């Protein structure tokens, strides 16, 4: 008996017609698995949920691999699109009235006990302020986000994609609420230098608190009541009513360099602390939308108990989280499916070329055998018994003809 020939990876011709994605799942199940893995902070739990809803069992590693692969495709596509926008400078797709942006960073754990910073951009449309008993209230709606683990310069370039989508270049006015980090100011310089720059009020209040709680000869420089009064004055009267008082306090501690640094920090940002003016113009004075984004987009999925990420897998998950939190899943998944189907087709064509080349070499090396064109006919008794030669059921023919 001849030995069986070894088998190799192949493909079924119908796969291409069905538009299957990598792996053994149907396109719908593939998408469902990736979406569940994007929402749920555990690949194992996502696999169990897929089994509960569909009866399809997949290993948690399959959920992780399919999700990371889909996210990597989306990262590559968005990186390419951001580069195109920077290169071609297309017209904005919309022209919002008042646009507010804010950027911040959040730390997530990597493998081997390392930590890394994820930068996030939050963008929203500022609505007209509403009067309340406690003063005017400003709401920012239609929020969207962009997150990446990268350096600040690269992040600024990549975030061009989201800012272009939101029509930054066509907005009537633009505001930026950020803390005092240098990279945050550089981000605003890059995308909209003329933006109204607002130092996050809670961030400014932290420096007020640090000065007030510094111990002097008779205890803290300011009591809790006095600190509350200073904070109220900063918000409602502006820095001109507060900074001189702070200078007096700092002067009592000439050798305290940390205290002097806190004062210098606030003095250099007086223009960004004109809170009464900002409130009157209808701007928010807090960066709550990006602080919420840090939790919603990043920490809820990438900072769970026991999680430790490989560096290469952070941005794919962030891209998918952006798609979910921005309510753009269908748009993003269309891109992922198109690219992954292209990858499957390219691999199939490469295998076909490799197989054809191997067959040419094998045929050229094999000795030529004589071709026999004689085909022995079947014996009469064998030919009459063959199913192909049997007459179709007479009864069935009569039934179809209505003769029974």
Protein backbone atom coordinates (compact mmCIF):
# COMPACT_ATOMS: atom_id res chain seq x y z
CA UNK A 1 0.00 0.00 0.00
CA UNK A 2 1.36 3.40 -0.98
CA UNK A 3 2.06 5.84 1.85
CA UNK A 4 -0.28 8.81 2.14
CA UNK A 5 1.18 12.09 0.94
CA UNK A 6 1.67 14.79 3.58
CA UNK A 7 -1.03 17.43 3.73
CA UNK A 8 -0.48 21.19 3.73
CA UNK A 9 -2.51 24.30 4.50
CA UNK A 10 -5.09 24.88 1.81
CA UNK A 11 -8.32 26.78 1.21
CA UNK A 12 -11.84 26.08 0.11
CA UNK A 13 -12.85 28.02 -3.05
CA UNK A 14 -16.12 29.11 -1.44
CA UNK A 15 -14.21 30.92 1.35
CA UNK A 16 -13.42 33.78 -1.00
CA UNK A 17 -17.03 34.06 -2.13
CA UNK A 18 -18.20 34.16 1.49
CA UNK A 19 -15.64 36.86 2.38
CA UNK A 20 -14.39 35.01 5.46
CA UNK A 21 -11.98 36.68 7.86
CA UNK A 22 -8.85 35.08 9.38
CA UNK A 23 -9.61 32.14 11.63
CA UNK A 24 -12.49 29.69 11.80
CA UNK A 25 -15.34 32.04 12.79
CA UNK A 26 -17.94 33.51 10.49
CA UNK A 27 -17.59 37.27 9.91
CA UNK A 28 -20.50 38.01 12.26
CA UNK A 29 -19.11 35.85 15.08
CA UNK A 30 -15.63 37.30 14.50
CA UNK A 31 -16.98 40.82 14.92
CA UNK A 32 -19.04 39.84 17.96
CA UNK A 33 -15.99 38.31 19.66
CA UNK A 34 -13.85 41.40 19.06
CA UNK A 35 -16.61 43.75 20.17
CA UNK A 36 -17.22 41.81 23.38
CA UNK A 37 -13.47 41.75 24.07
CA UNK A 38 -13.37 45.51 23.58
CA UNK A 39 -16.24 46.15 25.99
CA UNK A 40 -15.51 43.57 28.69
CA UNK A 41 -12.28 43.96 30.69
CA UNK A 42 -11.33 40.28 30.27
CA UNK A 43 -10.74 38.14 27.19
CA UNK A 44 -11.83 35.05 29.12
CA UNK A 45 -15.14 36.68 30.11
CA UNK A 46 -15.68 37.85 26.53
CA UNK A 47 -15.23 34.27 25.30
CA UNK A 48 -17.74 33.00 27.88
CA UNK A 49 -20.29 35.66 26.90
CA UNK A 50 -19.93 34.70 23.23
CA UNK A 51 -20.60 31.07 24.17
CA UNK A 52 -23.64 32.07 26.24
CA UNK A 53 -25.21 34.12 23.44
CA UNK A 54 -24.28 31.95 20.44
CA UNK A 55 -23.25 28.52 21.71
CA UNK A 56 -19.86 28.93 20.00
CA UNK A 57 -16.88 27.99 22.17
CA UNK A 58 -13.60 29.84 21.70
CA UNK A 59 -10.45 29.89 23.81
CA UNK A 60 -9.57 33.15 25.62
CA UNK A 61 -6.32 33.24 23.63
CA UNK A 62 -8.39 33.25 20.45
CA UNK A 63 -10.36 36.22 21.76
CA UNK A 64 -7.14 38.05 22.59
CA UNK A 65 -5.45 37.28 19.28
CA UNK A 66 -8.44 38.23 17.14
CA UNK A 67 -9.00 41.45 19.12
CA UNK A 68 -5.38 42.58 19.02
CA UNK A 69 -5.13 41.79 15.31
CA UNK A 70 -8.28 43.79 14.53
CA UNK A 71 -7.05 46.71 16.63
CA UNK A 72 -3.65 46.68 14.91
CA UNK A 73 -5.39 46.98 11.53
CA UNK A 74 -7.37 49.97 12.81
CA UNK A 75 -4.24 51.64 14.23
CA UNK A 76 -2.45 51.30 10.88
CA UNK A 77 -5.43 52.71 8.99
CA UNK A 78 -5.85 55.70 11.32
CA UNK A 79 -2.13 56.44 11.27
CA UNK A 80 -2.17 56.49 7.48
CA UNK A 81 -5.25 58.73 7.40
CA UNK A 82 -3.72 61.20 9.87
CA UNK A 83 -0.61 61.43 7.68
CA UNK A 84 -2.80 62.08 4.63
CA UNK A 85 -4.65 64.90 6.40
CA UNK A 86 -1.38 66.51 7.49
CA UNK A 87 -0.05 66.21 3.95
CA UNK A 88 -3.09 67.32 1.94
CA UNK A 89 -4.77 69.72 4.41
CA UNK A 90 -8.35 68.96 3.27
CA UNK A 91 -11.27 71.24 4.13
CA UNK A 92 -13.00 70.46 7.45
CA UNK A 93 -16.08 68.22 7.14
CA UNK A 94 -18.14 70.44 9.48
CA UNK A 95 -18.13 73.93 11.03
CA UNK A 96 -19.13 73.82 14.72
CA UNK A 97 -19.79 77.03 16.59
CA UNK A 98 -17.82 76.54 19.83
CA UNK A 99 -15.41 73.65 20.17
CA UNK A 100 -13.61 72.71 23.39
CA UNK A 101 -10.60 70.40 23.58
CA UNK A 102 -8.66 68.98 26.48
CA UNK A 103 -5.71 66.58 26.74
CA UNK A 104 -4.33 64.60 29.64
CA UNK A 105 -2.45 61.41 30.47
CA UNK A 106 -3.22 58.24 32.47
CA UNK A 107 -0.87 55.51 33.63
CA UNK A 108 -1.44 51.81 32.85
CA UNK A 109 0.58 48.71 33.83
CA UNK A 110 2.90 46.89 31.43
CA UNK A 111 4.60 43.52 31.76
CA UNK A 112 7.45 43.06 34.22
CA UNK A 113 6.18 45.69 36.64
CA UNK A 114 6.58 48.62 34.27
CA UNK A 115 4.13 51.51 33.85
CA UNK A 116 3.46 53.71 30.84
CA UNK A 117 1.43 56.83 30.05
CA UNK A 118 -1.51 56.86 27.68
CA UNK A 119 -2.36 60.28 26.28
CA UNK A 120 -5.99 61.13 25.55
CA UNK A 121 -7.69 63.94 23.67
CA UNK A 122 -11.31 64.81 24.46
CA UNK A 123 -13.30 67.09 22.14
CA UNK A 124 -16.80 68.49 22.65
CA UNK A 125 -19.20 71.19 21.53
CA UNK A 126 -19.90 73.92 24.09
CA UNK A 127 -23.59 74.74 24.55
CA UNK A 128 -24.93 78.16 25.61
CA UNK A 129 -24.64 78.64 29.39
CA UNK A 130 -27.73 78.25 31.55
CA UNK A 131 -28.48 80.42 34.55
CA UNK A 132 -29.01 78.66 37.89
CA UNK A 133 -29.23 79.72 41.52
CA UNK A 134 -25.54 78.90 41.92
CA UNK A 135 -24.52 80.84 38.82
CA UNK A 136 -24.20 80.03 35.10
CA UNK A 137 -23.71 76.37 34.14
CA UNK A 138 -22.01 75.35 30.89
CA UNK A 139 -22.48 71.93 29.31
CA UNK A 140 -20.21 70.34 26.73
CA UNK A 141 -21.93 67.76 24.53
CA UNK A 142 -21.19 65.44 21.60
CA UNK A 143 -17.93 64.25 23.16
CA UNK A 144 -15.39 62.16 21.28
CA UNK A 145 -11.96 60.82 22.18
CA UNK A 146 -8.59 59.81 20.77
CA UNK A 147 -6.05 57.84 22.83
CA UNK A 148 -2.58 56.50 22.13
CA UNK A 149 0.47 55.31 24.01
CA UNK A 150 3.21 57.35 22.36
CA UNK A 151 5.40 60.41 22.83
CA UNK A 152 3.78 63.85 22.89
CA UNK A 153 5.04 64.88 19.43
CA UNK A 154 3.70 61.77 17.71
CA UNK A 155 0.46 62.02 19.66
CA UNK A 156 -0.02 65.57 18.39
CA UNK A 157 0.32 64.39 14.80
CA UNK A 158 -1.95 61.35 15.21
CA UNK A 159 -4.67 63.35 16.99
CA UNK A 160 -5.03 65.42 13.82
CA UNK A 161 -7.43 62.73 12.61
CA UNK A 162 -9.96 63.29 15.39
CA UNK A 163 -9.64 67.08 15.37
CA UNK A 164 -10.23 67.14 11.62
CA UNK A 165 -13.30 64.95 12.01
CA UNK A 166 -14.66 67.40 14.56
CA UNK A 167 -14.08 70.39 12.26
CA UNK A 168 -11.48 72.22 14.35
CA UNK A 169 -10.33 74.35 11.40
CA UNK A 170 -13.89 75.48 10.68
CA UNK A 171 -15.03 76.26 14.24
CA UNK A 172 -16.08 79.84 14.99
CA UNK A 173 -14.23 79.76 18.32
CA UNK A 174 -12.06 77.21 20.10
CA UNK A 175 -11.21 76.79 23.77
CA UNK A 176 -8.64 74.55 25.46
CA UNK A 177 -8.89 73.54 29.11
CA UNK A 178 -5.66 71.83 30.22
CA UNK A 179 -3.34 71.61 33.17
CA UNK A 180 0.04 73.28 33.16
CA UNK A 181 2.05 70.41 31.62
CA UNK A 182 4.37 71.61 28.88
CA UNK A 183 3.25 68.95 26.40
CA UNK A 184 -0.39 70.02 26.82
CA UNK A 185 0.47 73.60 25.89
CA UNK A 186 2.56 72.37 22.95
CA UNK A 187 -0.43 70.37 21.74
CA UNK A 188 -2.55 73.53 21.66
CA UNK A 189 0.28 75.43 19.94
CA UNK A 190 0.35 72.79 17.22
CA UNK A 191 -3.35 72.57 16.44
CA UNK A 192 -4.89 75.95 17.34
CA UNK A 193 -2.51 78.60 18.72
CA UNK A 194 -5.31 81.17 18.93
CA UNK A 195 -7.46 79.00 21.21
CA UNK A 196 -8.74 80.48 24.46
CA UNK A 197 -6.42 78.81 26.98
CA UNK A 198 -7.87 77.98 30.36
CA UNK A 199 -5.93 76.49 33.24
CA UNK A 200 -8.08 73.77 34.77
CA UNK A 201 -9.53 75.37 37.91
CA UNK A 202 -9.06 72.26 40.05
CA UNK A 203 -5.41 72.18 39.00
CA UNK A 204 -4.92 75.83 39.99
CA UNK A 205 -6.68 75.15 43.30
CA UNK A 206 -4.13 72.41 44.05
CA UNK A 207 -1.36 75.00 44.00
CA UNK A 208 -3.42 77.31 46.22
CA UNK A 209 -3.85 74.45 48.66
CA UNK A 210 -0.13 73.62 48.62
CA UNK A 211 0.70 77.23 49.55
CA UNK A 212 -2.04 77.50 52.17
CA UNK A 213 -1.07 74.27 53.94
CA UNK A 214 2.64 75.14 54.15
CA UNK A 215 3.61 75.31 57.79
CA UNK A 216 4.73 78.68 59.10
CA UNK A 217 5.70 79.87 62.58
CA UNK A 218 2.10 79.61 63.81
CA UNK A 219 0.94 76.60 61.78
CA UNK A 220 -0.48 76.55 58.21
CA UNK A 221 -0.19 79.83 56.33
CA UNK A 222 -3.96 79.83 55.74
CA UNK A 223 -6.76 78.20 57.70
CA UNK A 224 -9.32 76.02 55.87
CA UNK A 225 -11.78 78.91 55.97
CA UNK A 226 -9.25 81.34 54.55
CA UNK A 227 -8.30 78.85 51.82
CA UNK A 228 -11.96 78.52 50.80
CA UNK A 229 -12.20 82.31 50.60
CA UNK A 230 -9.10 82.49 48.38
CA UNK A 231 -10.45 79.82 46.06
CA UNK A 232 -13.79 81.66 45.82
CA UNK A 233 -11.98 84.91 45.06
CA UNK A 234 -9.89 83.27 42.31
CA UNK A 235 -13.00 81.89 40.63
CA UNK A 236 -15.20 84.96 40.90
CA UNK A 237 -12.73 87.87 41.04
CA UNK A 238 -9.76 86.52 39.11
CA UNK A 239 -6.03 86.25 39.84
CA UNK A 240 -5.58 90.00 40.36
CA UNK A 241 -7.40 89.67 43.69
CA UNK A 242 -5.45 86.60 44.80
CA UNK A 243 -1.87 86.66 43.54
CA UNK A 244 -0.79 89.71 45.69
CA UNK A 245 -2.04 87.92 48.81
CA UNK A 246 -0.08 84.82 47.83
CA UNK A 247 3.07 86.86 47.30
CA UNK A 248 2.74 88.20 50.85
CA UNK A 249 2.43 84.70 52.26
CA UNK A 250 5.41 83.37 50.31
CA UNK A 251 7.53 86.33 51.42
CA UNK A 252 7.22 85.09 55.00
CA UNK A 253 9.09 81.92 54.00
CA UNK A 254 12.08 83.21 51.98
CA UNK A 255 14.03 79.95 52.29
CA UNK A 256 11.20 77.70 51.13
CA UNK A 257 12.01 77.07 47.46
CA UNK A 258 9.05 74.74 46.94
CA UNK A 259 6.68 77.47 48.08
CA UNK A 260 8.32 79.94 45.71
CA UNK A 261 7.93 77.44 42.84
CA UNK A 262 4.19 77.12 43.50
CA UNK A 263 3.81 80.90 43.39
CA UNK A 264 5.90 81.19 40.21
CA UNK A 265 3.74 78.53 38.58
CA UNK A 266 0.57 80.53 39.20
CA UNK A 267 2.13 83.88 38.32
CA UNK A 268 3.26 82.61 34.92
CA UNK A 269 -0.30 81.47 34.12
CA UNK A 270 -2.31 84.50 35.16
CA UNK A 271 -3.66 84.88 31.63
CA UNK A 272 -5.06 81.33 31.84
CA UNK A 273 -6.76 82.00 35.19
CA UNK A 274 -9.13 84.77 34.13
CA UNK A 275 -12.04 82.66 35.32
CA UNK A 276 -14.67 85.42 35.66
CA UNK A 277 -14.02 86.42 32.05
CA UNK A 278 -14.10 82.80 30.81
CA UNK A 279 -17.37 82.11 32.63
CA UNK A 280 -18.93 85.27 31.22
CA UNK A 281 -17.96 84.13 27.71
CA UNK A 282 -19.61 80.76 28.23
CA UNK A 283 -16.50 78.58 28.59
CA UNK A 284 -16.11 75.69 31.05
CA UNK A 285 -13.22 76.18 33.47
CA UNK A 286 -12.67 72.50 34.33
CA UNK A 287 -11.16 69.61 32.39
CA UNK A 288 -13.66 67.08 33.64
CA UNK A 289 -14.38 65.72 30.17
CA UNK A 290 -10.82 64.45 29.67
CA UNK A 291 -10.58 63.22 33.26
CA UNK A 292 -13.71 61.17 32.57
CA UNK A 293 -12.19 60.00 29.30
CA UNK A 294 -9.15 58.65 31.14
CA UNK A 295 -11.47 56.36 33.08
CA UNK A 296 -14.03 55.60 30.37
CA UNK A 297 -11.69 54.95 27.46
CA UNK A 298 -8.47 53.81 29.10
CA UNK A 299 -8.72 52.65 32.69
CA UNK A 300 -12.01 50.73 32.49
CA UNK A 301 -10.45 48.32 29.98
CA UNK A 302 -6.68 48.50 30.43
CA UNK A 303 -6.22 49.04 34.16
CA UNK A 304 -8.15 46.18 35.71
CA UNK A 305 -6.94 44.06 38.61
CA UNK A 306 -4.05 41.82 37.57
CA UNK A 307 -3.73 43.29 34.07
CA UNK A 308 -0.26 43.71 32.55
CA UNK A 309 0.04 44.63 28.89
CA UNK A 310 2.69 44.01 26.28
CA UNK A 311 3.67 47.35 24.76
CA UNK A 312 2.66 46.31 21.23
CA UNK A 313 -0.90 45.48 22.32
CA UNK A 314 -1.81 48.74 24.06
CA UNK A 315 -2.59 50.91 21.03
CA UNK A 316 -4.71 48.25 19.26
CA UNK A 317 -6.99 48.07 22.31
CA UNK A 318 -7.06 51.87 22.59
CA UNK A 319 -8.12 52.22 18.94
CA UNK A 320 -10.98 49.79 19.48
CA UNK A 321 -11.98 51.55 22.71
CA UNK A 322 -12.11 54.84 20.83
CA UNK A 323 -14.37 53.24 18.22
CA UNK A 324 -16.76 51.99 20.91
CA UNK A 325 -16.78 55.13 23.07
CA UNK A 326 -17.16 57.42 20.04
CA UNK A 327 -20.13 55.36 18.75
CA UNK A 328 -18.25 54.69 15.50
CA UNK A 329 -18.04 50.92 15.69
CA UNK A 330 -19.72 50.24 12.33
CA UNK A 331 -17.46 52.71 10.54
CA UNK A 332 -14.33 51.30 12.18
CA UNK A 333 -15.28 47.66 11.68
CA UNK A 334 -15.88 48.27 7.98
CA UNK A 335 -12.26 49.39 7.74
CA UNK A 336 -11.06 46.37 9.72
CA UNK A 337 -13.03 43.87 7.62
CA UNK A 338 -11.85 45.38 4.35
CA UNK A 339 -8.21 45.29 5.37
CA UNK A 340 -8.37 41.80 6.88
CA UNK A 341 -10.12 40.36 3.80
CA UNK A 342 -7.36 41.91 1.71
CA UNK A 343 -4.77 40.23 3.93
CA UNK A 344 -6.50 36.86 3.56
CA UNK A 345 -6.63 37.24 -0.24
CA UNK A 346 -2.96 38.23 -0.38
CA UNK A 347 -1.93 35.19 1.66
CA UNK A 348 -4.06 32.91 -0.54
CA UNK A 349 -2.49 34.29 -3.70
CA UNK A 350 0.98 33.89 -2.24
CA UNK A 351 0.28 30.22 -1.43
CA UNK A 352 -1.07 29.66 -4.92
CA UNK A 353 2.06 31.14 -6.48
CA UNK A 354 4.29 29.05 -4.22
CA UNK A 355 2.33 25.87 -5.01
CA UNK A 356 2.39 26.55 -8.76
CA UNK A 357 6.12 27.17 -8.72
CA UNK A 358 6.70 23.91 -6.81
CA UNK A 359 4.59 21.97 -9.30
CA UNK A 360 6.58 23.37 -12.22
CA UNK A 361 9.83 22.26 -10.60
CA UNK A 362 8.41 18.81 -9.77
CA UNK A 363 7.05 18.31 -13.28
CA UNK A 364 10.32 19.34 -14.89
CA UNK A 365 12.30 16.92 -12.70
CA UNK A 366 9.99 13.89 -13.07
CA UNK A 367 10.62 11.36 -15.92
CA UNK A 368 8.00 11.35 -18.62
CA UNK A 369 5.78 8.27 -18.75
CA UNK A 370 3.96 7.15 -21.89
CA UNK A 371 0.40 8.40 -22.13
CA UNK A 372 -2.21 5.67 -22.46
CA UNK A 373 -5.31 6.80 -24.23
CA UNK A 374 -7.08 3.40 -24.24
CA UNK A 375 -9.96 3.19 -21.79
CA UNK A 376 -11.37 -0.25 -21.15
CA UNK A 377 -15.15 -0.24 -21.51
CA UNK A 378 -17.30 -1.58 -18.72
CA UNK A 379 -18.60 -5.11 -19.04
CA UNK A 380 -22.27 -5.20 -20.09
CA UNK A 381 -23.49 -6.56 -16.75
CA UNK A 382 -21.48 -3.92 -14.85
CA UNK A 383 -22.63 -1.11 -17.11
CA UNK A 384 -26.29 -2.02 -16.67
CA UNK A 385 -25.96 -2.06 -12.87
CA UNK A 386 -24.25 1.33 -12.64
CA UNK A 387 -26.51 4.02 -11.04
CA UNK A 388 -25.88 6.43 -13.91
CA UNK A 389 -27.30 3.91 -16.40
CA UNK A 390 -30.42 3.06 -14.42
CA UNK A 391 -33.75 4.45 -15.62
CA UNK A 392 -35.39 7.04 -13.45
CA UNK A 393 -38.27 5.64 -11.37
CA UNK A 394 -41.28 5.06 -13.63
CA UNK A 395 -43.57 5.65 -10.65
CA UNK A 396 -41.95 9.02 -9.96
CA UNK A 397 -42.24 10.05 -13.60
CA UNK A 398 -45.94 9.23 -13.60
CA UNK A 399 -46.51 11.17 -10.37
CA UNK A 400 -44.96 14.27 -11.87
CA UNK A 401 -46.97 13.79 -15.04
CA UNK A 402 -50.19 13.39 -13.07
CA UNK A 403 -50.82 9.88 -14.31
CA UNK A 404 -51.09 8.24 -10.89
